[in-house]
Amino acid sequence: MRDDSGVQVEFRTMDARVAPASELLAAMVAEMLELYSDLGGIAPATAEDFAPPAGAYLVGFADGMAVCGGGLKRLDDDAAEIKRMYVVPDTRRQGVARQLLGALEDAARERGYRIVRLDTGARQPHAKALYQATGYVEVGDYNDNPYAAYWGEKRLR
């Protein structure tokens, strides 16, 4: 997939327990710990949550290198949650996160979900801006994430 900035990202569904997916997840958790210092009350999202057929973990590759990852977790028959989106710092601000979000939405459609939900914290205004710019509408707290300041939902077509 190519965006307007010219960065080409190829997405592959991978086992979240195996590198490079596991490494991207670990990097995302480390970054969240820097931002929020304690993730004790965060809603769980395990490798099993991202397992097929109901879930997925996507890794994006550019020039053969893993540059991003994110998971899809089943909430119910109609809705899935996008979790643990992460973009490697060297590839940020190049449209990679937007491509990852689109690929996760496509994965949700392929699994028959009609709605995707997500959340983000107050110290991640760039994430909130991306979600709003791509059609997410603010909804109430659906997952009791104590670090979230924004909960969004998008209906898939």
N, C-alpha and C. Protein backbone atom coordinates (compact mmCIF):
# COMPACT_ATOMS: atom_id res chain seq x y z
N MET A 1 0.86 -1.17 0.00
CA MET A 1 0.00 0.00 0.00
C MET A 1 0.90 1.23 0.00
N ARG A 2 0.57 2.22 -0.82
CA ARG A 2 1.38 3.43 -0.91
C ARG A 2 0.48 4.62 -0.56
N ASP A 3 1.02 5.53 0.25
CA ASP A 3 0.26 6.74 0.54
C ASP A 3 0.88 7.90 -0.23
N ASP A 4 0.37 9.13 0.00
CA ASP A 4 0.82 10.30 -0.74
C ASP A 4 2.29 10.64 -0.51
N SER A 5 2.87 10.21 0.60
CA SER A 5 4.26 10.54 0.87
C SER A 5 5.22 9.63 0.13
N GLY A 6 4.72 8.56 -0.49
CA GLY A 6 5.56 7.69 -1.28
C GLY A 6 6.11 6.51 -0.51
N VAL A 7 5.86 6.39 0.80
CA VAL A 7 6.31 5.24 1.58
C VAL A 7 5.42 4.06 1.24
N GLN A 8 6.02 3.00 0.78
CA GLN A 8 5.26 1.82 0.43
C GLN A 8 5.35 0.81 1.57
N VAL A 9 4.19 0.40 2.08
CA VAL A 9 4.13 -0.55 3.19
C VAL A 9 3.37 -1.78 2.74
N GLU A 10 3.95 -2.93 2.99
CA GLU A 10 3.31 -4.21 2.72
C GLU A 10 2.92 -4.83 4.05
N PHE A 11 1.66 -5.23 4.18
CA PHE A 11 1.17 -5.78 5.45
C PHE A 11 1.06 -7.29 5.38
N ARG A 12 1.47 -7.93 6.48
CA ARG A 12 1.35 -9.37 6.62
C ARG A 12 0.72 -9.68 7.97
N THR A 13 -0.20 -10.64 7.98
CA THR A 13 -0.75 -11.12 9.23
C THR A 13 0.27 -12.07 9.84
N MET A 14 0.59 -11.83 11.11
CA MET A 14 1.62 -12.62 11.78
C MET A 14 1.18 -13.04 13.17
N ASP A 15 1.81 -14.06 13.69
CA ASP A 15 1.60 -14.49 15.07
C ASP A 15 2.22 -13.44 15.98
N ALA A 16 1.43 -12.88 16.87
CA ALA A 16 1.91 -11.80 17.74
C ALA A 16 2.95 -12.28 18.75
N ARG A 17 3.11 -13.58 18.90
CA ARG A 17 4.10 -14.11 19.84
C ARG A 17 5.49 -14.24 19.24
N VAL A 18 5.59 -14.04 17.93
CA VAL A 18 6.83 -14.29 17.20
C VAL A 18 7.38 -12.99 16.62
N ALA A 19 8.71 -12.86 16.64
CA ALA A 19 9.35 -11.68 16.05
C ALA A 19 9.08 -11.65 14.55
N PRO A 20 8.91 -10.48 13.97
CA PRO A 20 9.06 -9.15 14.54
C PRO A 20 7.81 -8.63 15.25
N ALA A 21 6.69 -9.35 15.17
CA ALA A 21 5.46 -8.87 15.82
C ALA A 21 5.67 -8.69 17.32
N SER A 22 6.27 -9.66 17.97
CA SER A 22 6.48 -9.58 19.42
C SER A 22 7.39 -8.41 19.78
N GLU A 23 8.36 -8.12 18.93
CA GLU A 23 9.26 -6.99 19.18
C GLU A 23 8.53 -5.65 19.04
N LEU A 24 7.65 -5.55 18.07
CA LEU A 24 6.86 -4.33 17.90
C LEU A 24 5.93 -4.13 19.09
N LEU A 25 5.31 -5.20 19.56
CA LEU A 25 4.44 -5.11 20.74
C LEU A 25 5.24 -4.67 21.97
N ALA A 26 6.41 -5.24 22.16
CA ALA A 26 7.25 -4.87 23.30
C ALA A 26 7.68 -3.40 23.21
N ALA A 27 8.01 -2.93 22.03
CA ALA A 27 8.39 -1.52 21.85
C ALA A 27 7.21 -0.60 22.15
N MET A 28 6.00 -1.00 21.74
CA MET A 28 4.82 -0.20 22.01
C MET A 28 4.57 -0.11 23.52
N VAL A 29 4.68 -1.23 24.22
CA VAL A 29 4.48 -1.24 25.67
C VAL A 29 5.53 -0.36 26.34
N ALA A 30 6.78 -0.46 25.93
CA ALA A 30 7.84 0.37 26.51
C ALA A 30 7.55 1.86 26.32
N GLU A 31 7.06 2.21 25.14
CA GLU A 31 6.74 3.62 24.88
C GLU A 31 5.56 4.08 25.73
N MET A 32 4.57 3.22 25.92
CA MET A 32 3.43 3.59 26.77
C MET A 32 3.86 3.74 28.22
N LEU A 33 4.80 2.92 28.67
CA LEU A 33 5.32 3.07 30.03
C LEU A 33 6.03 4.40 30.21
N GLU A 34 6.75 4.85 29.18
CA GLU A 34 7.39 6.17 29.24
C GLU A 34 6.35 7.28 29.35
N LEU A 35 5.26 7.13 28.61
CA LEU A 35 4.22 8.16 28.61
C LEU A 35 3.37 8.16 29.87
N TYR A 36 3.04 6.97 30.36
CA TYR A 36 2.06 6.86 31.44
C TYR A 36 2.62 6.26 32.73
N SER A 37 3.83 5.78 32.74
CA SER A 37 4.59 5.26 33.88
C SER A 37 4.05 3.98 34.51
N ASP A 38 2.78 3.67 34.37
CA ASP A 38 2.22 2.45 34.95
C ASP A 38 1.05 2.02 34.09
N LEU A 39 1.07 0.79 33.67
CA LEU A 39 -0.02 0.29 32.82
C LEU A 39 -0.84 -0.78 33.54
N GLY A 40 -0.80 -0.77 34.86
CA GLY A 40 -1.46 -1.81 35.64
C GLY A 40 -2.95 -1.96 35.38
N GLY A 41 -3.66 -0.89 35.11
CA GLY A 41 -5.10 -0.98 34.93
C GLY A 41 -5.54 -1.06 33.48
N ILE A 42 -4.59 -1.19 32.57
CA ILE A 42 -4.94 -1.18 31.15
C ILE A 42 -5.65 -2.48 30.76
N ALA A 43 -6.60 -2.34 29.87
CA ALA A 43 -7.35 -3.51 29.39
C ALA A 43 -6.40 -4.46 28.68
N PRO A 44 -6.51 -5.75 28.98
CA PRO A 44 -5.59 -6.69 28.36
C PRO A 44 -5.83 -6.86 26.86
N ALA A 45 -4.77 -7.14 26.18
CA ALA A 45 -4.82 -7.52 24.77
C ALA A 45 -3.62 -8.43 24.56
N THR A 46 -3.89 -9.71 24.52
CA THR A 46 -2.82 -10.70 24.44
C THR A 46 -2.65 -11.22 23.01
N ALA A 47 -1.59 -11.95 22.81
CA ALA A 47 -1.37 -12.57 21.50
C ALA A 47 -2.55 -13.45 21.12
N GLU A 48 -3.17 -14.09 22.09
CA GLU A 48 -4.34 -14.94 21.83
C GLU A 48 -5.52 -14.11 21.34
N ASP A 49 -5.66 -12.88 21.84
CA ASP A 49 -6.74 -12.00 21.37
C ASP A 49 -6.58 -11.66 19.89
N PHE A 50 -5.33 -11.64 19.43
CA PHE A 50 -5.04 -11.28 18.05
C PHE A 50 -4.98 -12.49 17.11
N ALA A 51 -5.30 -13.65 17.66
CA ALA A 51 -5.19 -14.88 16.85
C ALA A 51 -6.39 -15.05 15.94
N PRO A 52 -6.16 -15.64 14.76
CA PRO A 52 -7.25 -15.97 13.85
C PRO A 52 -8.16 -17.03 14.48
N PRO A 53 -9.38 -17.14 14.10
CA PRO A 53 -9.99 -16.42 12.99
C PRO A 53 -10.63 -15.08 13.38
N ALA A 54 -10.87 -14.85 14.68
CA ALA A 54 -11.58 -13.64 15.09
C ALA A 54 -10.67 -12.42 15.16
N GLY A 55 -9.37 -12.62 15.37
CA GLY A 55 -8.45 -11.52 15.52
C GLY A 55 -7.36 -11.55 14.47
N ALA A 56 -6.48 -10.58 14.57
CA ALA A 56 -5.34 -10.51 13.65
C ALA A 56 -4.29 -9.60 14.24
N TYR A 57 -3.04 -9.87 13.92
CA TYR A 57 -1.97 -8.93 14.21
C TYR A 57 -1.24 -8.69 12.89
N LEU A 58 -1.20 -7.43 12.48
CA LEU A 58 -0.57 -7.07 11.21
C LEU A 58 0.77 -6.41 11.45
N VAL A 59 1.74 -6.80 10.64
CA VAL A 59 3.05 -6.16 10.65
C VAL A 59 3.23 -5.54 9.28
N GLY A 60 3.64 -4.28 9.27
CA GLY A 60 3.92 -3.57 8.02
C GLY A 60 5.40 -3.52 7.75
N PHE A 61 5.76 -3.81 6.51
CA PHE A 61 7.15 -3.83 6.09
C PHE A 61 7.38 -2.77 5.02
N ALA A 62 8.48 -2.05 5.14
CA ALA A 62 8.92 -1.10 4.11
C ALA A 62 10.39 -1.40 3.85
N ASP A 63 10.71 -1.60 2.59
CA ASP A 63 12.08 -1.94 2.21
C ASP A 63 12.62 -3.13 3.02
N GLY A 64 11.74 -4.10 3.29
CA GLY A 64 12.15 -5.32 3.98
C GLY A 64 12.24 -5.22 5.49
N MET A 65 12.01 -4.03 6.03
CA MET A 65 12.11 -3.83 7.48
C MET A 65 10.72 -3.70 8.09
N ALA A 66 10.52 -4.28 9.27
CA ALA A 66 9.26 -4.13 10.00
C ALA A 66 9.19 -2.70 10.53
N VAL A 67 8.17 -1.94 10.10
CA VAL A 67 8.07 -0.54 10.48
C VAL A 67 6.84 -0.22 11.32
N CYS A 68 5.90 -1.17 11.42
CA CYS A 68 4.70 -0.90 12.22
C CYS A 68 3.98 -2.20 12.50
N GLY A 69 3.11 -2.14 13.50
CA GLY A 69 2.28 -3.28 13.82
C GLY A 69 1.05 -2.84 14.57
N GLY A 70 0.03 -3.68 14.52
CA GLY A 70 -1.20 -3.39 15.24
C GLY A 70 -2.10 -4.60 15.24
N GLY A 71 -2.96 -4.65 16.25
CA GLY A 71 -3.82 -5.81 16.41
C GLY A 71 -5.29 -5.51 16.29
N LEU A 72 -6.02 -6.57 16.02
CA LEU A 72 -7.48 -6.54 15.92
C LEU A 72 -8.00 -7.59 16.88
N LYS A 73 -8.86 -7.15 17.81
CA LYS A 73 -9.40 -8.00 18.87
C LYS A 73 -10.92 -8.02 18.78
N ARG A 74 -11.51 -9.20 18.80
CA ARG A 74 -12.96 -9.34 18.75
C ARG A 74 -13.59 -8.78 20.02
N LEU A 75 -14.63 -7.96 19.85
CA LEU A 75 -15.45 -7.51 20.98
C LEU A 75 -16.75 -8.30 21.04
N ASP A 76 -17.42 -8.42 19.89
CA ASP A 76 -18.62 -9.24 19.76
C ASP A 76 -18.78 -9.59 18.28
N ASP A 77 -19.89 -10.18 17.91
CA ASP A 77 -20.05 -10.63 16.53
C ASP A 77 -19.96 -9.50 15.51
N ASP A 78 -20.33 -8.29 15.90
CA ASP A 78 -20.35 -7.16 14.97
C ASP A 78 -19.17 -6.21 15.11
N ALA A 79 -18.49 -6.24 16.25
CA ALA A 79 -17.48 -5.21 16.52
C ALA A 79 -16.13 -5.81 16.93
N ALA A 80 -15.08 -5.13 16.47
CA ALA A 80 -13.71 -5.47 16.86
C ALA A 80 -13.04 -4.21 17.37
N GLU A 81 -12.00 -4.41 18.14
CA GLU A 81 -11.23 -3.29 18.67
C GLU A 81 -9.84 -3.30 18.05
N ILE A 82 -9.39 -2.14 17.61
CA ILE A 82 -8.04 -1.97 17.12
C ILE A 82 -7.18 -1.64 18.33
N LYS A 83 -6.12 -2.44 18.50
CA LYS A 83 -5.28 -2.34 19.70
C LYS A 83 -3.81 -2.30 19.31
N ARG A 84 -3.03 -1.70 20.18
CA ARG A 84 -1.57 -1.78 20.16
C ARG A 84 -0.92 -1.32 18.86
N MET A 85 -1.51 -0.27 18.26
CA MET A 85 -0.88 0.30 17.06
C MET A 85 0.46 0.93 17.44
N TYR A 86 1.46 0.62 16.63
CA TYR A 86 2.80 1.14 16.89
C TYR A 86 3.52 1.35 15.57
N VAL A 87 4.19 2.49 15.46
CA VAL A 87 5.02 2.80 14.29
C VAL A 87 6.44 3.08 14.81
N VAL A 88 7.42 2.43 14.19
CA VAL A 88 8.82 2.62 14.56
C VAL A 88 9.16 4.11 14.42
N PRO A 89 9.83 4.68 15.42
CA PRO A 89 10.09 6.13 15.39
C PRO A 89 10.70 6.67 14.10
N ASP A 90 11.62 5.95 13.48
CA ASP A 90 12.26 6.44 12.26
C ASP A 90 11.31 6.59 11.08
N THR A 91 10.14 5.96 11.14
CA THR A 91 9.20 6.03 10.02
C THR A 91 7.94 6.82 10.36
N ARG A 92 7.95 7.53 11.46
CA ARG A 92 6.79 8.35 11.81
C ARG A 92 6.71 9.59 10.94
N ARG A 93 5.51 10.12 10.85
CA ARG A 93 5.23 11.33 10.06
C ARG A 93 5.45 11.11 8.56
N GLN A 94 5.26 9.85 8.14
CA GLN A 94 5.39 9.52 6.72
C GLN A 94 4.15 8.79 6.21
N GLY A 95 3.06 8.85 6.96
CA GLY A 95 1.82 8.22 6.52
C GLY A 95 1.69 6.75 6.86
N VAL A 96 2.65 6.21 7.60
CA VAL A 96 2.64 4.78 7.91
C VAL A 96 1.48 4.44 8.86
N ALA A 97 1.23 5.26 9.86
CA ALA A 97 0.14 4.98 10.80
C ALA A 97 -1.21 4.96 10.09
N ARG A 98 -1.40 5.87 9.16
CA ARG A 98 -2.66 5.92 8.40
C ARG A 98 -2.82 4.63 7.58
N GLN A 99 -1.74 4.17 6.98
CA GLN A 99 -1.80 2.93 6.22
C GLN A 99 -2.09 1.74 7.13
N LEU A 100 -1.47 1.70 8.30
CA LEU A 100 -1.71 0.63 9.26
C LEU A 100 -3.16 0.62 9.70
N LEU A 101 -3.69 1.78 10.02
CA LEU A 101 -5.09 1.87 10.43
C LEU A 101 -6.00 1.35 9.33
N GLY A 102 -5.76 1.74 8.09
CA GLY A 102 -6.56 1.25 6.97
C GLY A 102 -6.47 -0.26 6.80
N ALA A 103 -5.26 -0.80 6.96
CA ALA A 103 -5.08 -2.25 6.83
C ALA A 103 -5.81 -2.99 7.95
N LEU A 104 -5.81 -2.44 9.16
CA LEU A 104 -6.55 -3.07 10.26
C LEU A 104 -8.05 -3.01 10.02
N GLU A 105 -8.53 -1.90 9.47
CA GLU A 105 -9.95 -1.81 9.12
C GLU A 105 -10.30 -2.84 8.05
N ASP A 106 -9.43 -3.01 7.06
CA ASP A 106 -9.65 -4.04 6.03
C ASP A 106 -9.70 -5.43 6.64
N ALA A 107 -8.80 -5.70 7.59
CA ALA A 107 -8.78 -7.00 8.26
C ALA A 107 -10.09 -7.22 9.03
N ALA A 108 -10.62 -6.16 9.61
CA ALA A 108 -11.91 -6.27 10.32
C ALA A 108 -13.03 -6.59 9.34
N ARG A 109 -13.05 -5.92 8.21
CA ARG A 109 -14.06 -6.20 7.19
C ARG A 109 -13.98 -7.66 6.73
N GLU A 110 -12.76 -8.13 6.48
CA GLU A 110 -12.56 -9.51 6.02
C GLU A 110 -13.09 -10.52 7.03
N ARG A 111 -13.11 -10.16 8.29
CA ARG A 111 -13.58 -11.06 9.34
C ARG A 111 -15.06 -10.86 9.65
N GLY A 112 -15.70 -10.00 8.88
CA GLY A 112 -17.14 -9.82 9.01
C GLY A 112 -17.59 -8.79 10.03
N TYR A 113 -16.67 -8.04 10.59
CA TYR A 113 -17.06 -7.00 11.55
C TYR A 113 -17.64 -5.81 10.81
N ARG A 114 -18.64 -5.18 11.42
CA ARG A 114 -19.26 -4.00 10.83
C ARG A 114 -18.82 -2.71 11.52
N ILE A 115 -18.20 -2.85 12.69
CA ILE A 115 -17.80 -1.70 13.49
C ILE A 115 -16.39 -1.96 14.03
N VAL A 116 -15.56 -0.91 14.07
CA VAL A 116 -14.30 -0.99 14.78
C VAL A 116 -14.28 0.12 15.82
N ARG A 117 -13.68 -0.20 16.94
CA ARG A 117 -13.53 0.76 18.03
C ARG A 117 -12.06 0.84 18.41
N LEU A 118 -11.69 1.94 19.04
CA LEU A 118 -10.33 2.12 19.52
C LEU A 118 -10.32 3.19 20.59
N ASP A 119 -9.20 3.30 21.27
CA ASP A 119 -9.05 4.37 22.25
C ASP A 119 -7.62 4.88 22.22
N THR A 120 -7.41 6.03 22.83
CA THR A 120 -6.06 6.57 22.98
C THR A 120 -6.03 7.49 24.19
N GLY A 121 -4.84 7.71 24.69
CA GLY A 121 -4.66 8.50 25.90
C GLY A 121 -4.44 9.98 25.64
N ALA A 122 -4.52 10.74 26.71
CA ALA A 122 -4.37 12.20 26.64
C ALA A 122 -2.98 12.62 26.17
N ARG A 123 -1.99 11.79 26.36
CA ARG A 123 -0.62 12.13 25.95
C ARG A 123 -0.30 11.68 24.54
N GLN A 124 -1.35 11.35 23.78
CA GLN A 124 -1.18 10.93 22.39
C GLN A 124 -2.12 11.71 21.47
N PRO A 125 -2.01 13.03 21.46
CA PRO A 125 -2.93 13.84 20.65
C PRO A 125 -2.81 13.55 19.15
N HIS A 126 -1.64 13.14 18.70
CA HIS A 126 -1.44 12.79 17.29
C HIS A 126 -2.31 11.59 16.90
N ALA A 127 -2.46 10.64 17.81
CA ALA A 127 -3.30 9.46 17.53
C ALA A 127 -4.76 9.87 17.43
N LYS A 128 -5.21 10.69 18.37
CA LYS A 128 -6.60 11.16 18.34
C LYS A 128 -6.86 11.92 17.04
N ALA A 129 -5.93 12.77 16.64
CA ALA A 129 -6.11 13.54 15.40
C ALA A 129 -6.20 12.61 14.19
N LEU A 130 -5.38 11.57 14.14
CA LEU A 130 -5.45 10.60 13.05
C LEU A 130 -6.81 9.92 13.02
N TYR A 131 -7.27 9.47 14.15
CA TYR A 131 -8.54 8.76 14.21
C TYR A 131 -9.70 9.66 13.76
N GLN A 132 -9.72 10.87 14.22
CA GLN A 132 -10.77 11.79 13.82
C GLN A 132 -10.69 12.12 12.33
N ALA A 133 -9.49 12.27 11.81
CA ALA A 133 -9.31 12.59 10.39
C ALA A 133 -9.71 11.44 9.48
N THR A 134 -9.75 10.24 10.01
CA THR A 134 -10.08 9.07 9.19
C THR A 134 -11.49 8.54 9.46
N GLY A 135 -12.33 9.37 10.08
CA GLY A 135 -13.74 9.03 10.18
C GLY A 135 -14.22 8.43 11.48
N TYR A 136 -13.40 8.39 12.50
CA TYR A 136 -13.85 7.89 13.79
C TYR A 136 -14.65 8.97 14.50
N VAL A 137 -15.73 8.55 15.13
CA VAL A 137 -16.55 9.48 15.91
C VAL A 137 -16.41 9.10 17.38
N GLU A 138 -16.40 10.11 18.21
CA GLU A 138 -16.23 9.89 19.64
C GLU A 138 -17.44 9.16 20.20
N VAL A 139 -17.16 8.16 21.04
CA VAL A 139 -18.20 7.39 21.73
C VAL A 139 -17.84 7.36 23.21
N GLY A 140 -18.75 6.85 24.00
CA GLY A 140 -18.49 6.71 25.43
C GLY A 140 -17.46 5.63 25.72
N ASP A 141 -17.01 5.61 26.95
CA ASP A 141 -16.04 4.62 27.42
C ASP A 141 -16.64 3.23 27.31
N TYR A 142 -16.09 2.42 26.43
CA TYR A 142 -16.62 1.07 26.21
C TYR A 142 -15.73 -0.01 26.82
N ASN A 143 -14.54 0.36 27.34
CA ASN A 143 -13.62 -0.67 27.80
C ASN A 143 -12.96 -0.41 29.15
N ASP A 144 -13.34 0.65 29.83
CA ASP A 144 -12.80 0.97 31.15
C ASP A 144 -11.28 1.13 31.18
N ASN A 145 -10.69 1.59 30.09
CA ASN A 145 -9.25 1.83 30.06
C ASN A 145 -8.97 3.11 30.85
N PRO A 146 -8.28 3.01 32.00
CA PRO A 146 -8.07 4.20 32.83
C PRO A 146 -7.14 5.23 32.21
N TYR A 147 -6.39 4.86 31.17
CA TYR A 147 -5.46 5.79 30.53
C TYR A 147 -6.05 6.46 29.30
N ALA A 148 -7.20 5.98 28.86
CA ALA A 148 -7.82 6.54 27.67
C ALA A 148 -8.50 7.87 27.98
N ALA A 149 -8.41 8.77 27.02
CA ALA A 149 -9.10 10.06 27.10
C ALA A 149 -10.02 10.23 25.90
N TYR A 150 -9.90 9.32 24.94
CA TYR A 150 -10.70 9.36 23.73
C TYR A 150 -11.05 7.92 23.35
N TRP A 151 -12.34 7.71 23.09
CA TRP A 151 -12.84 6.44 22.57
C TRP A 151 -13.53 6.73 21.26
N GLY A 152 -13.15 6.00 20.22
CA GLY A 152 -13.73 6.25 18.90
C GLY A 152 -14.31 4.99 18.29
N GLU A 153 -15.20 5.23 17.32
CA GLU A 153 -15.88 4.14 16.62
C GLU A 153 -16.05 4.52 15.16
N LYS A 154 -15.95 3.52 14.31
CA LYS A 154 -16.16 3.74 12.89
C LYS A 154 -16.98 2.57 12.34
N ARG A 155 -17.99 2.91 11.59
CA ARG A 155 -18.78 1.88 10.91
C ARG A 155 -18.09 1.57 9.59
N LEU A 156 -17.92 0.29 9.36
CA LEU A 156 -17.25 -0.17 8.13
C LEU A 156 -18.27 -0.39 7.05
N ARG A 157 -17.89 -0.15 5.80
CA ARG A 157 -18.81 -0.36 4.67
C ARG A 157 -18.37 -1.53 3.87
